[in-house]
């Protein structure tokens, strides 16, 4: 699982507590391709041919899509992302010059910013890696040109928090079309559906795992 820009993966903990998920935080690079190369270097077992669901969120989704042609996997799942997320230069300038930017980004990422527990986790997630890294990651996102990978064996999923203010519904739909996949709406969640709607994300991933298992049994029989 590849989390989003500036994330250490803390926002995925509620899902990881219930599923055998390995979180691989994005390397500190200003372009997607160097992130892919670093991940392949740091985690050589990614090349092993075994059942695998490749999951990415936001910028991590774009990195997962770029990584997909290079590692064996049965299904690609992308959350809170579109094929061409726009990062305005004014946002990068604001991030660079605003001391409490991380707290504000955390708040804007939630459908319910009054949820103090979720807000604390979202803020600590970003603060654990720092404002400079978030700025570099968003710079990478602003430079990235999405190329859809070849579809894997199992139908790709695009998880959409219906209250996501960062990536509109249309971008999620367009991403699903390019991946030849399916949009999975997650009501009541914002840009961090794996934090605010962990049960729904767990269910979606378990559905994928069950589909992979069923396909494997059909092939073996």
N, C-alpha and C. Protein backbone atom coordinates (compact mmCIF):
# COMPACT_ATOMS: atom_id res chain seq x y z
N UNK A 1 0.83 -1.17 0.00
CA UNK A 1 0.00 0.00 0.00
C UNK A 1 0.88 1.24 0.00
N UNK A 2 0.65 2.14 -0.97
CA UNK A 2 1.43 3.37 -1.10
C UNK A 2 0.55 4.55 -0.69
N UNK A 3 0.84 5.20 0.45
CA UNK A 3 0.01 6.32 0.91
C UNK A 3 0.28 7.58 0.09
N UNK A 4 -0.45 8.63 0.41
CA UNK A 4 -0.39 9.85 -0.37
C UNK A 4 0.77 10.76 -0.03
N UNK A 5 0.73 11.96 -0.62
CA UNK A 5 1.81 12.93 -0.47
C UNK A 5 2.03 13.28 1.00
N UNK A 6 3.28 13.21 1.43
CA UNK A 6 3.65 13.60 2.78
C UNK A 6 3.23 12.64 3.86
N UNK A 7 2.63 11.52 3.50
CA UNK A 7 2.06 10.60 4.50
C UNK A 7 3.06 9.53 4.91
N UNK A 8 3.03 9.20 6.20
CA UNK A 8 3.81 8.07 6.71
C UNK A 8 2.97 6.79 6.75
N UNK A 9 1.68 6.91 6.45
CA UNK A 9 0.78 5.77 6.48
C UNK A 9 -0.06 5.65 7.72
N UNK A 10 0.06 6.60 8.66
CA UNK A 10 -0.74 6.53 9.89
C UNK A 10 -2.24 6.53 9.60
N UNK A 11 -2.64 7.22 8.55
CA UNK A 11 -4.07 7.30 8.23
C UNK A 11 -4.61 5.97 7.71
N UNK A 12 -3.74 5.01 7.40
CA UNK A 12 -4.17 3.68 6.97
C UNK A 12 -4.21 2.70 8.12
N UNK A 13 -3.89 3.13 9.35
CA UNK A 13 -3.75 2.19 10.46
C UNK A 13 -5.04 1.45 10.76
N UNK A 14 -6.18 2.13 10.65
CA UNK A 14 -7.46 1.47 10.95
C UNK A 14 -7.73 0.32 9.99
N UNK A 15 -7.29 0.45 8.74
CA UNK A 15 -7.43 -0.63 7.78
C UNK A 15 -6.38 -1.70 8.03
N UNK A 16 -5.14 -1.25 8.29
CA UNK A 16 -4.04 -2.19 8.51
C UNK A 16 -4.23 -3.04 9.76
N UNK A 17 -4.99 -2.54 10.73
CA UNK A 17 -5.27 -3.32 11.92
C UNK A 17 -6.14 -4.54 11.63
N UNK A 18 -6.84 -4.50 10.50
CA UNK A 18 -7.78 -5.57 10.19
C UNK A 18 -7.37 -6.41 8.99
N UNK A 19 -6.42 -5.94 8.23
CA UNK A 19 -5.98 -6.67 7.04
C UNK A 19 -4.45 -6.74 7.02
N UNK A 20 -3.88 -7.77 6.39
CA UNK A 20 -2.41 -7.88 6.32
C UNK A 20 -1.83 -6.94 5.27
N UNK A 21 -1.90 -5.66 5.57
CA UNK A 21 -1.42 -4.63 4.64
C UNK A 21 -0.01 -4.20 5.02
N UNK A 22 0.85 -4.10 4.03
CA UNK A 22 2.18 -3.53 4.25
C UNK A 22 2.18 -2.12 3.65
N UNK A 23 2.45 -1.14 4.47
CA UNK A 23 2.46 0.25 4.03
C UNK A 23 3.88 0.64 3.64
N UNK A 24 4.04 1.15 2.42
CA UNK A 24 5.33 1.59 1.91
C UNK A 24 5.27 3.10 1.65
N UNK A 25 5.66 3.93 2.60
CA UNK A 25 5.62 5.38 2.38
C UNK A 25 6.42 5.79 1.16
N UNK A 26 5.96 6.82 0.48
CA UNK A 26 6.62 7.27 -0.74
C UNK A 26 8.00 7.86 -0.43
N UNK A 27 9.00 7.53 -1.24
CA UNK A 27 10.33 8.11 -1.04
C UNK A 27 10.33 9.62 -1.22
N UNK A 28 11.35 10.25 -0.70
CA UNK A 28 11.50 11.71 -0.77
C UNK A 28 12.10 12.08 -2.12
N UNK A 29 11.24 12.23 -3.12
CA UNK A 29 11.65 12.58 -4.48
C UNK A 29 10.68 13.60 -5.04
N UNK A 30 11.12 14.34 -6.07
CA UNK A 30 10.26 15.37 -6.66
C UNK A 30 9.66 14.94 -7.99
N UNK A 31 9.79 13.65 -8.34
CA UNK A 31 9.17 13.10 -9.53
C UNK A 31 8.72 11.67 -9.25
N UNK A 32 7.69 11.24 -9.95
CA UNK A 32 7.13 9.91 -9.71
C UNK A 32 8.10 8.81 -10.10
N UNK A 33 8.77 8.94 -11.24
CA UNK A 33 9.66 7.87 -11.70
C UNK A 33 10.77 7.56 -10.71
N UNK A 34 11.47 8.55 -10.15
CA UNK A 34 12.46 8.23 -9.12
C UNK A 34 11.84 7.56 -7.89
N UNK A 35 10.59 7.89 -7.56
CA UNK A 35 9.92 7.20 -6.45
C UNK A 35 9.77 5.72 -6.76
N UNK A 36 9.35 5.41 -7.99
CA UNK A 36 9.19 4.02 -8.41
C UNK A 36 10.52 3.27 -8.31
N UNK A 37 11.58 3.88 -8.81
CA UNK A 37 12.89 3.23 -8.80
C UNK A 37 13.38 3.00 -7.38
N UNK A 38 13.16 3.98 -6.50
CA UNK A 38 13.57 3.83 -5.09
C UNK A 38 12.80 2.71 -4.42
N UNK A 39 11.51 2.63 -4.67
CA UNK A 39 10.69 1.57 -4.07
C UNK A 39 11.16 0.19 -4.52
N UNK A 40 11.47 0.06 -5.80
CA UNK A 40 11.95 -1.22 -6.32
C UNK A 40 13.30 -1.58 -5.71
N UNK A 41 14.12 -0.57 -5.46
CA UNK A 41 15.43 -0.82 -4.85
C UNK A 41 15.30 -1.17 -3.37
N UNK A 42 14.40 -0.47 -2.67
CA UNK A 42 14.26 -0.67 -1.23
C UNK A 42 13.49 -1.95 -0.89
N UNK A 43 12.62 -2.38 -1.77
CA UNK A 43 11.75 -3.53 -1.49
C UNK A 43 11.87 -4.52 -2.65
N UNK A 44 12.96 -5.24 -2.67
CA UNK A 44 13.25 -6.14 -3.79
C UNK A 44 12.24 -7.28 -3.90
N UNK A 45 11.56 -7.59 -2.80
CA UNK A 45 10.57 -8.67 -2.85
C UNK A 45 9.35 -8.30 -3.69
N UNK A 46 9.22 -7.04 -4.08
CA UNK A 46 8.11 -6.65 -4.95
C UNK A 46 8.15 -7.39 -6.28
N UNK A 47 9.32 -7.84 -6.66
CA UNK A 47 9.46 -8.57 -7.93
C UNK A 47 9.03 -10.03 -7.82
N UNK A 48 8.79 -10.51 -6.59
CA UNK A 48 8.42 -11.91 -6.41
C UNK A 48 7.02 -12.18 -6.95
N UNK A 49 6.86 -13.24 -7.74
CA UNK A 49 5.53 -13.58 -8.28
C UNK A 49 4.67 -14.27 -7.23
N UNK A 50 3.82 -13.51 -6.57
CA UNK A 50 2.91 -14.05 -5.57
C UNK A 50 1.62 -13.24 -5.62
N UNK A 51 0.52 -13.78 -5.07
CA UNK A 51 -0.73 -13.00 -5.07
C UNK A 51 -0.53 -11.65 -4.39
N UNK A 52 -0.92 -10.60 -5.08
CA UNK A 52 -0.69 -9.25 -4.53
C UNK A 52 -1.77 -8.30 -5.01
N UNK A 53 -2.29 -7.51 -4.09
CA UNK A 53 -3.15 -6.37 -4.43
C UNK A 53 -2.31 -5.12 -4.26
N UNK A 54 -2.17 -4.34 -5.30
CA UNK A 54 -1.38 -3.11 -5.26
C UNK A 54 -2.34 -1.95 -5.02
N UNK A 55 -2.13 -1.25 -3.91
CA UNK A 55 -3.04 -0.19 -3.49
C UNK A 55 -2.29 1.13 -3.42
N UNK A 56 -2.89 2.19 -3.91
CA UNK A 56 -2.29 3.52 -3.81
C UNK A 56 -3.35 4.56 -3.51
N UNK A 57 -2.96 5.59 -2.75
CA UNK A 57 -3.89 6.66 -2.41
C UNK A 57 -3.33 8.00 -2.88
N UNK A 58 -4.17 8.79 -3.56
CA UNK A 58 -3.79 10.12 -4.01
C UNK A 58 -2.49 10.05 -4.83
N UNK A 59 -1.43 10.77 -4.44
CA UNK A 59 -0.16 10.65 -5.15
C UNK A 59 0.32 9.19 -5.16
N UNK A 60 0.09 8.48 -4.06
CA UNK A 60 0.46 7.06 -4.02
C UNK A 60 -0.25 6.25 -5.08
N UNK A 61 -1.46 6.68 -5.48
CA UNK A 61 -2.16 6.01 -6.56
C UNK A 61 -1.47 6.19 -7.89
N UNK A 62 -0.94 7.38 -8.12
CA UNK A 62 -0.21 7.63 -9.36
C UNK A 62 1.10 6.84 -9.38
N UNK A 63 1.74 6.74 -8.21
CA UNK A 63 2.98 5.95 -8.12
C UNK A 63 2.65 4.47 -8.31
N UNK A 64 1.55 4.01 -7.72
CA UNK A 64 1.14 2.61 -7.88
C UNK A 64 0.88 2.28 -9.34
N UNK A 65 0.23 3.19 -10.06
CA UNK A 65 -0.04 2.95 -11.48
C UNK A 65 1.25 2.88 -12.29
N UNK A 66 2.24 3.70 -11.92
CA UNK A 66 3.53 3.66 -12.61
C UNK A 66 4.34 2.43 -12.22
N UNK A 67 4.10 1.93 -11.02
CA UNK A 67 4.81 0.74 -10.53
C UNK A 67 4.19 -0.54 -11.10
N UNK A 68 2.90 -0.48 -11.40
CA UNK A 68 2.14 -1.68 -11.78
C UNK A 68 2.76 -2.49 -12.92
N UNK A 69 3.27 -1.86 -14.00
CA UNK A 69 3.84 -2.68 -15.08
C UNK A 69 5.13 -3.40 -14.69
N UNK A 70 5.70 -3.08 -13.53
CA UNK A 70 7.01 -3.61 -13.17
C UNK A 70 6.96 -4.68 -12.09
N UNK A 71 5.79 -4.90 -11.49
CA UNK A 71 5.71 -5.93 -10.45
C UNK A 71 4.48 -6.81 -10.69
N UNK A 72 4.55 -8.06 -10.31
CA UNK A 72 3.37 -8.94 -10.45
C UNK A 72 2.28 -8.52 -9.48
N UNK A 73 1.05 -8.43 -9.97
CA UNK A 73 -0.08 -8.12 -9.10
C UNK A 73 -1.36 -8.59 -9.79
N UNK A 74 -2.36 -8.89 -8.98
CA UNK A 74 -3.64 -9.36 -9.50
C UNK A 74 -4.64 -8.23 -9.68
N UNK A 75 -4.50 -7.18 -8.87
CA UNK A 75 -5.47 -6.09 -8.95
C UNK A 75 -4.83 -4.79 -8.48
N UNK A 76 -5.20 -3.70 -9.14
CA UNK A 76 -4.77 -2.36 -8.76
C UNK A 76 -5.97 -1.63 -8.15
N UNK A 77 -5.80 -1.15 -6.91
CA UNK A 77 -6.84 -0.38 -6.23
C UNK A 77 -6.28 1.02 -5.94
N UNK A 78 -6.99 2.04 -6.40
CA UNK A 78 -6.54 3.42 -6.20
C UNK A 78 -7.63 4.18 -5.46
N UNK A 79 -7.24 4.92 -4.44
CA UNK A 79 -8.19 5.68 -3.63
C UNK A 79 -7.89 7.18 -3.75
N UNK A 80 -8.96 7.97 -3.78
CA UNK A 80 -8.84 9.43 -3.69
C UNK A 80 -7.87 10.01 -4.71
N UNK A 81 -8.06 9.64 -5.99
CA UNK A 81 -7.13 10.10 -7.01
C UNK A 81 -7.82 10.21 -8.36
N UNK A 82 -7.24 11.01 -9.22
CA UNK A 82 -7.69 11.12 -10.60
C UNK A 82 -6.49 11.06 -11.51
N UNK A 83 -6.72 10.93 -12.82
CA UNK A 83 -5.59 10.78 -13.74
C UNK A 83 -4.78 12.04 -13.97
N UNK A 84 -5.33 13.18 -13.58
CA UNK A 84 -4.60 14.43 -13.78
C UNK A 84 -4.88 15.41 -12.67
N UNK A 85 -4.55 15.04 -11.43
CA UNK A 85 -4.81 15.93 -10.30
C UNK A 85 -4.01 17.22 -10.50
N UNK A 86 -4.69 18.33 -10.42
CA UNK A 86 -4.03 19.62 -10.66
C UNK A 86 -3.54 20.23 -9.35
N UNK A 87 -2.27 20.58 -9.33
CA UNK A 87 -1.68 21.23 -8.17
C UNK A 87 -1.29 22.65 -8.59
N UNK A 88 -2.03 23.63 -8.14
CA UNK A 88 -1.79 25.01 -8.54
C UNK A 88 -0.50 25.52 -7.92
N UNK A 89 0.30 26.32 -8.68
CA UNK A 89 1.50 26.92 -8.10
C UNK A 89 1.20 27.73 -6.83
N UNK A 90 0.01 28.33 -6.78
CA UNK A 90 -0.35 29.11 -5.59
C UNK A 90 -0.47 28.21 -4.36
N UNK A 91 -0.89 26.95 -4.54
CA UNK A 91 -0.96 26.02 -3.42
C UNK A 91 0.44 25.69 -2.91
N UNK A 92 1.37 25.47 -3.83
CA UNK A 92 2.75 25.19 -3.43
C UNK A 92 3.36 26.39 -2.71
N UNK A 93 3.07 27.60 -3.20
CA UNK A 93 3.57 28.81 -2.54
C UNK A 93 2.97 28.94 -1.13
N UNK A 94 1.67 28.68 -1.02
CA UNK A 94 1.00 28.76 0.28
C UNK A 94 1.60 27.74 1.25
N UNK A 95 1.84 26.54 0.78
CA UNK A 95 2.39 25.49 1.63
C UNK A 95 3.78 25.87 2.11
N UNK A 96 4.59 26.43 1.22
CA UNK A 96 5.96 26.80 1.57
C UNK A 96 6.01 27.93 2.58
N UNK A 97 5.00 28.81 2.56
CA UNK A 97 5.07 30.00 3.39
C UNK A 97 4.14 30.03 4.58
N UNK A 98 3.44 28.92 4.87
CA UNK A 98 2.45 28.91 5.94
C UNK A 98 2.87 27.93 7.03
N UNK A 99 3.15 28.43 8.21
CA UNK A 99 3.68 27.60 9.30
C UNK A 99 2.72 26.50 9.71
N UNK A 100 1.43 26.82 9.79
CA UNK A 100 0.46 25.82 10.26
C UNK A 100 -0.25 25.13 9.09
N UNK A 101 0.44 25.05 7.95
CA UNK A 101 -0.17 24.50 6.75
C UNK A 101 -0.61 23.04 6.94
N UNK A 102 0.18 22.25 7.65
CA UNK A 102 -0.13 20.83 7.78
C UNK A 102 -1.44 20.61 8.52
N UNK A 103 -1.68 21.40 9.57
CA UNK A 103 -2.94 21.29 10.30
C UNK A 103 -4.11 21.65 9.40
N UNK A 104 -3.93 22.67 8.55
CA UNK A 104 -5.00 23.09 7.66
C UNK A 104 -5.24 22.05 6.57
N UNK A 105 -4.17 21.47 6.02
CA UNK A 105 -4.32 20.42 5.01
C UNK A 105 -5.06 19.22 5.61
N UNK A 106 -4.69 18.85 6.83
CA UNK A 106 -5.36 17.73 7.49
C UNK A 106 -6.86 18.00 7.63
N UNK A 107 -7.20 19.22 8.03
CA UNK A 107 -8.60 19.58 8.21
C UNK A 107 -9.35 19.54 6.88
N UNK A 108 -8.75 20.07 5.83
CA UNK A 108 -9.41 20.10 4.52
C UNK A 108 -9.57 18.71 3.92
N UNK A 109 -8.79 17.74 4.41
CA UNK A 109 -8.84 16.39 3.85
C UNK A 109 -10.00 15.57 4.38
N UNK A 110 -10.65 16.05 5.44
CA UNK A 110 -11.70 15.29 6.09
C UNK A 110 -13.09 15.78 5.71
N UNK A 111 -14.03 14.85 5.62
CA UNK A 111 -15.42 15.23 5.41
C UNK A 111 -15.99 15.85 6.68
N UNK A 112 -15.51 15.33 7.84
CA UNK A 112 -15.99 15.81 9.14
C UNK A 112 -14.80 16.31 9.97
N UNK A 113 -14.35 17.54 9.71
CA UNK A 113 -13.19 18.06 10.45
C UNK A 113 -13.45 18.26 11.93
N UNK A 114 -14.71 18.13 12.35
CA UNK A 114 -15.02 18.23 13.78
C UNK A 114 -14.72 16.92 14.51
N UNK A 115 -14.40 15.87 13.76
CA UNK A 115 -14.01 14.59 14.37
C UNK A 115 -12.58 14.74 14.87
N UNK A 116 -12.41 15.01 16.13
CA UNK A 116 -11.11 15.35 16.69
C UNK A 116 -10.11 14.20 16.58
N UNK A 117 -10.58 12.96 16.73
CA UNK A 117 -9.68 11.81 16.63
C UNK A 117 -9.12 11.67 15.23
N UNK A 118 -10.01 11.73 14.23
CA UNK A 118 -9.57 11.64 12.85
C UNK A 118 -8.66 12.81 12.49
N UNK A 119 -9.00 14.00 12.97
CA UNK A 119 -8.19 15.18 12.67
C UNK A 119 -6.79 15.04 13.28
N UNK A 120 -6.71 14.53 14.50
CA UNK A 120 -5.41 14.34 15.14
C UNK A 120 -4.55 13.34 14.35
N UNK A 121 -5.14 12.24 13.92
CA UNK A 121 -4.40 11.24 13.16
C UNK A 121 -3.92 11.83 11.84
N UNK A 122 -4.80 12.55 11.15
CA UNK A 122 -4.43 13.14 9.86
C UNK A 122 -3.31 14.15 10.02
N UNK A 123 -3.37 14.95 11.08
CA UNK A 123 -2.32 15.96 11.33
C UNK A 123 -1.00 15.29 11.70
N UNK A 124 -1.05 14.30 12.61
CA UNK A 124 0.18 13.61 13.02
C UNK A 124 0.82 12.87 11.85
N UNK A 125 -0.02 12.35 10.96
CA UNK A 125 0.49 11.65 9.78
C UNK A 125 1.37 12.57 8.95
N UNK A 126 0.91 13.78 8.70
CA UNK A 126 1.69 14.74 7.91
C UNK A 126 2.88 15.28 8.69
N UNK A 127 2.66 15.57 9.97
CA UNK A 127 3.74 16.15 10.78
C UNK A 127 4.89 15.17 10.97
N UNK A 128 4.62 13.87 10.91
CA UNK A 128 5.67 12.88 11.10
C UNK A 128 6.72 12.92 10.01
N UNK A 129 6.37 13.48 8.84
CA UNK A 129 7.35 13.57 7.76
C UNK A 129 7.68 15.02 7.37
N UNK A 130 6.86 15.96 7.77
CA UNK A 130 7.23 17.36 7.64
C UNK A 130 6.66 18.08 6.43
N UNK A 131 6.60 19.40 6.58
CA UNK A 131 6.02 20.25 5.53
C UNK A 131 6.86 20.25 4.26
N UNK A 132 8.18 20.19 4.41
CA UNK A 132 9.05 20.19 3.23
C UNK A 132 8.81 18.99 2.33
N UNK A 133 8.61 17.82 2.94
CA UNK A 133 8.36 16.63 2.14
C UNK A 133 7.02 16.72 1.43
N UNK A 134 5.99 17.22 2.12
CA UNK A 134 4.69 17.38 1.46
C UNK A 134 4.83 18.30 0.26
N UNK A 135 5.60 19.37 0.42
CA UNK A 135 5.81 20.30 -0.69
C UNK A 135 6.50 19.59 -1.86
N UNK A 136 7.52 18.79 -1.59
CA UNK A 136 8.24 18.07 -2.66
C UNK A 136 7.33 17.05 -3.33
N UNK A 137 6.53 16.36 -2.53
CA UNK A 137 5.62 15.38 -3.11
C UNK A 137 4.56 16.04 -3.99
N UNK A 138 4.01 17.16 -3.54
CA UNK A 138 3.00 17.84 -4.35
C UNK A 138 3.63 18.44 -5.61
N UNK A 139 4.90 18.82 -5.52
CA UNK A 139 5.62 19.26 -6.72
C UNK A 139 5.71 18.11 -7.72
N UNK A 140 6.00 16.91 -7.22
CA UNK A 140 6.04 15.73 -8.09
C UNK A 140 4.69 15.49 -8.75
N UNK A 141 3.63 15.64 -7.97
CA UNK A 141 2.29 15.43 -8.51
C UNK A 141 1.98 16.45 -9.59
N UNK A 142 2.42 17.69 -9.39
CA UNK A 142 2.16 18.74 -10.38
C UNK A 142 2.88 18.48 -11.69
N UNK A 143 3.96 17.71 -11.65
CA UNK A 143 4.76 17.43 -12.86
C UNK A 143 4.33 16.15 -13.57
N UNK A 144 3.54 15.33 -12.89
CA UNK A 144 3.30 13.98 -13.37
C UNK A 144 2.28 13.92 -14.50
N UNK A 145 2.58 13.13 -15.52
CA UNK A 145 1.64 12.84 -16.60
C UNK A 145 1.22 11.38 -16.47
N UNK A 146 -0.05 11.18 -16.20
CA UNK A 146 -0.55 9.83 -15.93
C UNK A 146 -0.61 8.99 -17.20
N UNK A 147 -0.14 7.76 -17.10
CA UNK A 147 -0.28 6.78 -18.17
C UNK A 147 -0.93 5.54 -17.56
N UNK A 148 -2.07 5.15 -18.08
CA UNK A 148 -2.79 4.01 -17.52
C UNK A 148 -2.03 2.72 -17.81
N UNK A 149 -1.80 1.90 -16.78
CA UNK A 149 -1.13 0.61 -17.01
C UNK A 149 -2.09 -0.38 -17.65
N UNK A 150 -1.54 -1.45 -18.19
CA UNK A 150 -2.37 -2.52 -18.72
C UNK A 150 -3.19 -3.13 -17.59
N UNK A 151 -4.44 -3.44 -17.89
CA UNK A 151 -5.33 -3.97 -16.85
C UNK A 151 -4.84 -5.33 -16.35
N UNK A 152 -4.86 -5.49 -15.03
CA UNK A 152 -4.47 -6.75 -14.41
C UNK A 152 -5.62 -7.75 -14.52
N UNK A 153 -5.44 -8.93 -13.93
CA UNK A 153 -6.40 -10.02 -14.09
C UNK A 153 -7.76 -9.69 -13.47
N UNK A 154 -7.75 -8.96 -12.36
CA UNK A 154 -8.98 -8.66 -11.63
C UNK A 154 -9.34 -7.19 -11.83
N UNK A 155 -10.62 -6.92 -11.95
CA UNK A 155 -11.13 -5.58 -12.24
C UNK A 155 -10.56 -4.54 -11.27
N UNK A 156 -9.89 -3.49 -11.77
CA UNK A 156 -9.38 -2.44 -10.89
C UNK A 156 -10.52 -1.70 -10.19
N UNK A 157 -10.22 -1.18 -9.01
CA UNK A 157 -11.18 -0.37 -8.26
C UNK A 157 -10.62 1.03 -8.04
N UNK A 158 -11.52 2.01 -8.09
CA UNK A 158 -11.18 3.39 -7.73
C UNK A 158 -12.10 3.77 -6.58
N UNK A 159 -11.53 3.94 -5.38
CA UNK A 159 -12.32 4.25 -4.19
C UNK A 159 -12.49 5.76 -4.08
N UNK A 160 -13.74 6.21 -4.03
CA UNK A 160 -14.07 7.64 -4.03
C UNK A 160 -14.85 8.01 -2.77
N UNK A 161 -14.22 8.82 -1.91
CA UNK A 161 -14.94 9.42 -0.80
C UNK A 161 -15.86 10.49 -1.35
N UNK A 162 -17.15 10.34 -1.16
CA UNK A 162 -18.11 11.22 -1.84
C UNK A 162 -18.04 12.67 -1.39
N UNK A 163 -17.35 12.93 -0.27
CA UNK A 163 -17.17 14.31 0.21
C UNK A 163 -15.74 14.80 0.00
N UNK A 164 -15.02 14.17 -0.93
CA UNK A 164 -13.64 14.55 -1.23
C UNK A 164 -13.61 15.93 -1.88
N UNK A 165 -12.97 16.89 -1.21
CA UNK A 165 -12.87 18.25 -1.76
C UNK A 165 -11.61 18.45 -2.59
N UNK A 166 -10.70 17.48 -2.56
CA UNK A 166 -9.44 17.61 -3.29
C UNK A 166 -9.52 17.07 -4.71
N UNK A 167 -10.24 15.96 -4.87
CA UNK A 167 -10.36 15.32 -6.18
C UNK A 167 -11.85 15.10 -6.47
N UNK A 168 -12.41 15.78 -7.46
CA UNK A 168 -13.85 15.68 -7.71
C UNK A 168 -14.26 14.31 -8.26
N UNK A 169 -15.54 14.05 -8.18
CA UNK A 169 -16.10 12.79 -8.67
C UNK A 169 -15.70 12.53 -10.12
N UNK A 170 -15.73 13.57 -10.95
CA UNK A 170 -15.44 13.38 -12.38
C UNK A 170 -14.05 12.81 -12.61
N UNK A 171 -13.09 13.21 -11.79
CA UNK A 171 -11.73 12.70 -11.95
C UNK A 171 -11.64 11.24 -11.54
N UNK A 172 -12.38 10.85 -10.51
CA UNK A 172 -12.41 9.44 -10.12
C UNK A 172 -13.01 8.60 -11.24
N UNK A 173 -14.09 9.10 -11.85
CA UNK A 173 -14.75 8.37 -12.94
C UNK A 173 -13.81 8.27 -14.13
N UNK A 174 -13.14 9.36 -14.45
CA UNK A 174 -12.21 9.34 -15.60
C UNK A 174 -11.07 8.37 -15.35
N UNK A 175 -10.57 8.31 -14.11
CA UNK A 175 -9.51 7.36 -13.78
C UNK A 175 -10.02 5.92 -13.96
N UNK A 176 -11.21 5.64 -13.47
CA UNK A 176 -11.76 4.29 -13.62
C UNK A 176 -11.93 3.92 -15.08
N UNK A 177 -12.33 4.88 -15.90
CA UNK A 177 -12.47 4.61 -17.33
C UNK A 177 -11.13 4.27 -17.96
N UNK A 178 -10.10 5.02 -17.60
CA UNK A 178 -8.78 4.77 -18.18
C UNK A 178 -8.19 3.45 -17.69
N UNK A 179 -8.54 3.05 -16.47
CA UNK A 179 -8.06 1.78 -15.93
C UNK A 179 -8.95 0.61 -16.35
N UNK A 180 -10.08 0.92 -17.02
CA UNK A 180 -11.09 -0.09 -17.36
C UNK A 180 -11.58 -0.78 -16.08
N UNK A 181 -11.86 0.06 -15.09
CA UNK A 181 -12.23 -0.46 -13.78
C UNK A 181 -13.56 0.07 -13.30
N UNK A 182 -13.73 0.04 -11.99
CA UNK A 182 -15.00 0.31 -11.33
C UNK A 182 -14.81 1.37 -10.24
N UNK A 183 -15.71 2.36 -10.19
CA UNK A 183 -15.71 3.33 -9.10
C UNK A 183 -16.50 2.76 -7.92
N UNK A 184 -15.92 2.84 -6.73
CA UNK A 184 -16.59 2.39 -5.51
C UNK A 184 -16.84 3.62 -4.63
N UNK A 185 -18.09 4.14 -4.58
CA UNK A 185 -18.37 5.32 -3.75
C UNK A 185 -18.34 4.96 -2.27
N UNK A 186 -17.76 5.85 -1.48
CA UNK A 186 -17.69 5.66 -0.03
C UNK A 186 -18.35 6.88 0.63
N UNK A 187 -19.64 6.77 0.96
CA UNK A 187 -20.37 7.93 1.51
C UNK A 187 -19.79 8.40 2.83
N UNK A 188 -19.85 9.72 3.01
CA UNK A 188 -19.44 10.30 4.28
C UNK A 188 -17.95 10.39 4.50
N UNK A 189 -17.16 10.19 3.44
CA UNK A 189 -15.70 10.26 3.57
C UNK A 189 -15.16 11.34 2.65
N UNK A 190 -14.04 11.94 3.06
CA UNK A 190 -13.38 12.94 2.25
C UNK A 190 -12.19 12.36 1.51
N UNK A 191 -11.08 13.09 1.54
CA UNK A 191 -9.89 12.69 0.79
C UNK A 191 -9.14 11.54 1.49
N UNK A 192 -9.57 11.19 2.70
CA UNK A 192 -8.93 10.09 3.45
C UNK A 192 -9.99 9.04 3.80
N UNK A 193 -10.58 8.39 2.81
CA UNK A 193 -11.66 7.44 3.10
C UNK A 193 -11.20 6.26 3.95
N UNK A 194 -9.93 5.90 3.84
CA UNK A 194 -9.38 4.79 4.63
C UNK A 194 -9.29 5.15 6.11
N UNK A 195 -9.38 6.44 6.43
CA UNK A 195 -9.43 6.89 7.82
C UNK A 195 -10.87 7.08 8.28
N UNK A 196 -11.68 7.75 7.46
CA UNK A 196 -13.04 8.08 7.86
C UNK A 196 -14.05 6.97 7.57
N UNK A 197 -13.75 6.11 6.62
CA UNK A 197 -14.67 5.02 6.26
C UNK A 197 -13.89 3.72 6.16
N UNK A 198 -13.13 3.42 7.21
CA UNK A 198 -12.24 2.25 7.20
C UNK A 198 -13.01 0.96 6.96
N UNK A 199 -14.20 0.83 7.54
CA UNK A 199 -14.98 -0.40 7.35
C UNK A 199 -15.29 -0.63 5.87
N UNK A 200 -15.66 0.44 5.17
CA UNK A 200 -15.99 0.32 3.76
C UNK A 200 -14.76 -0.02 2.92
N UNK A 201 -13.62 0.55 3.27
CA UNK A 201 -12.39 0.26 2.54
C UNK A 201 -11.97 -1.19 2.78
N UNK A 202 -12.07 -1.65 4.03
CA UNK A 202 -11.77 -3.05 4.33
C UNK A 202 -12.67 -3.97 3.51
N UNK A 203 -13.96 -3.64 3.46
CA UNK A 203 -14.90 -4.46 2.69
C UNK A 203 -14.53 -4.49 1.21
N UNK A 204 -14.15 -3.33 0.65
CA UNK A 204 -13.78 -3.27 -0.76
C UNK A 204 -12.54 -4.12 -1.04
N UNK A 205 -11.55 -4.05 -0.15
CA UNK A 205 -10.33 -4.83 -0.34
C UNK A 205 -10.59 -6.32 -0.15
N UNK A 206 -11.47 -6.67 0.78
CA UNK A 206 -11.81 -8.07 0.98
C UNK A 206 -12.57 -8.62 -0.23
N UNK A 207 -13.39 -7.80 -0.85
CA UNK A 207 -14.08 -8.21 -2.07
C UNK A 207 -13.07 -8.52 -3.17
N UNK A 208 -12.05 -7.68 -3.30
CA UNK A 208 -11.00 -7.92 -4.29
C UNK A 208 -10.26 -9.22 -3.98
N UNK A 209 -9.90 -9.41 -2.71
CA UNK A 209 -9.18 -10.62 -2.31
C UNK A 209 -10.02 -11.86 -2.60
N UNK A 210 -11.33 -11.79 -2.34
CA UNK A 210 -12.20 -12.93 -2.61
C UNK A 210 -12.28 -13.22 -4.10
N UNK A 211 -12.30 -12.17 -4.90
CA UNK A 211 -12.33 -12.34 -6.35
C UNK A 211 -11.03 -12.99 -6.85
N UNK A 212 -9.90 -12.57 -6.29
CA UNK A 212 -8.62 -13.18 -6.65
C UNK A 212 -8.60 -14.65 -6.25
N UNK A 213 -9.09 -14.94 -5.06
CA UNK A 213 -9.11 -16.32 -4.58
C UNK A 213 -10.00 -17.18 -5.46
N UNK A 214 -11.15 -16.66 -5.83
CA UNK A 214 -12.07 -17.41 -6.70
C UNK A 214 -11.44 -17.68 -8.05
N UNK A 215 -10.80 -16.66 -8.60
CA UNK A 215 -10.15 -16.84 -9.90
C UNK A 215 -9.04 -17.87 -9.82
N UNK A 216 -8.26 -17.84 -8.73
CA UNK A 216 -7.17 -18.80 -8.55
C UNK A 216 -7.70 -20.23 -8.49
N UNK A 217 -8.82 -20.42 -7.81
CA UNK A 217 -9.41 -21.76 -7.69
C UNK A 217 -9.92 -22.25 -9.03
N UNK A 218 -10.49 -21.33 -9.84
CA UNK A 218 -10.96 -21.72 -11.16
C UNK A 218 -9.79 -22.17 -12.04
N UNK A 219 -8.69 -21.43 -11.95
CA UNK A 219 -7.52 -21.77 -12.78
C UNK A 219 -6.94 -23.11 -12.35
N UNK A 220 -6.84 -23.32 -11.04
CA UNK A 220 -6.23 -24.55 -10.53
C UNK A 220 -7.08 -25.78 -10.80
N UNK A 221 -8.41 -25.57 -10.94
CA UNK A 221 -9.29 -26.71 -11.20
C UNK A 221 -9.37 -27.04 -12.70
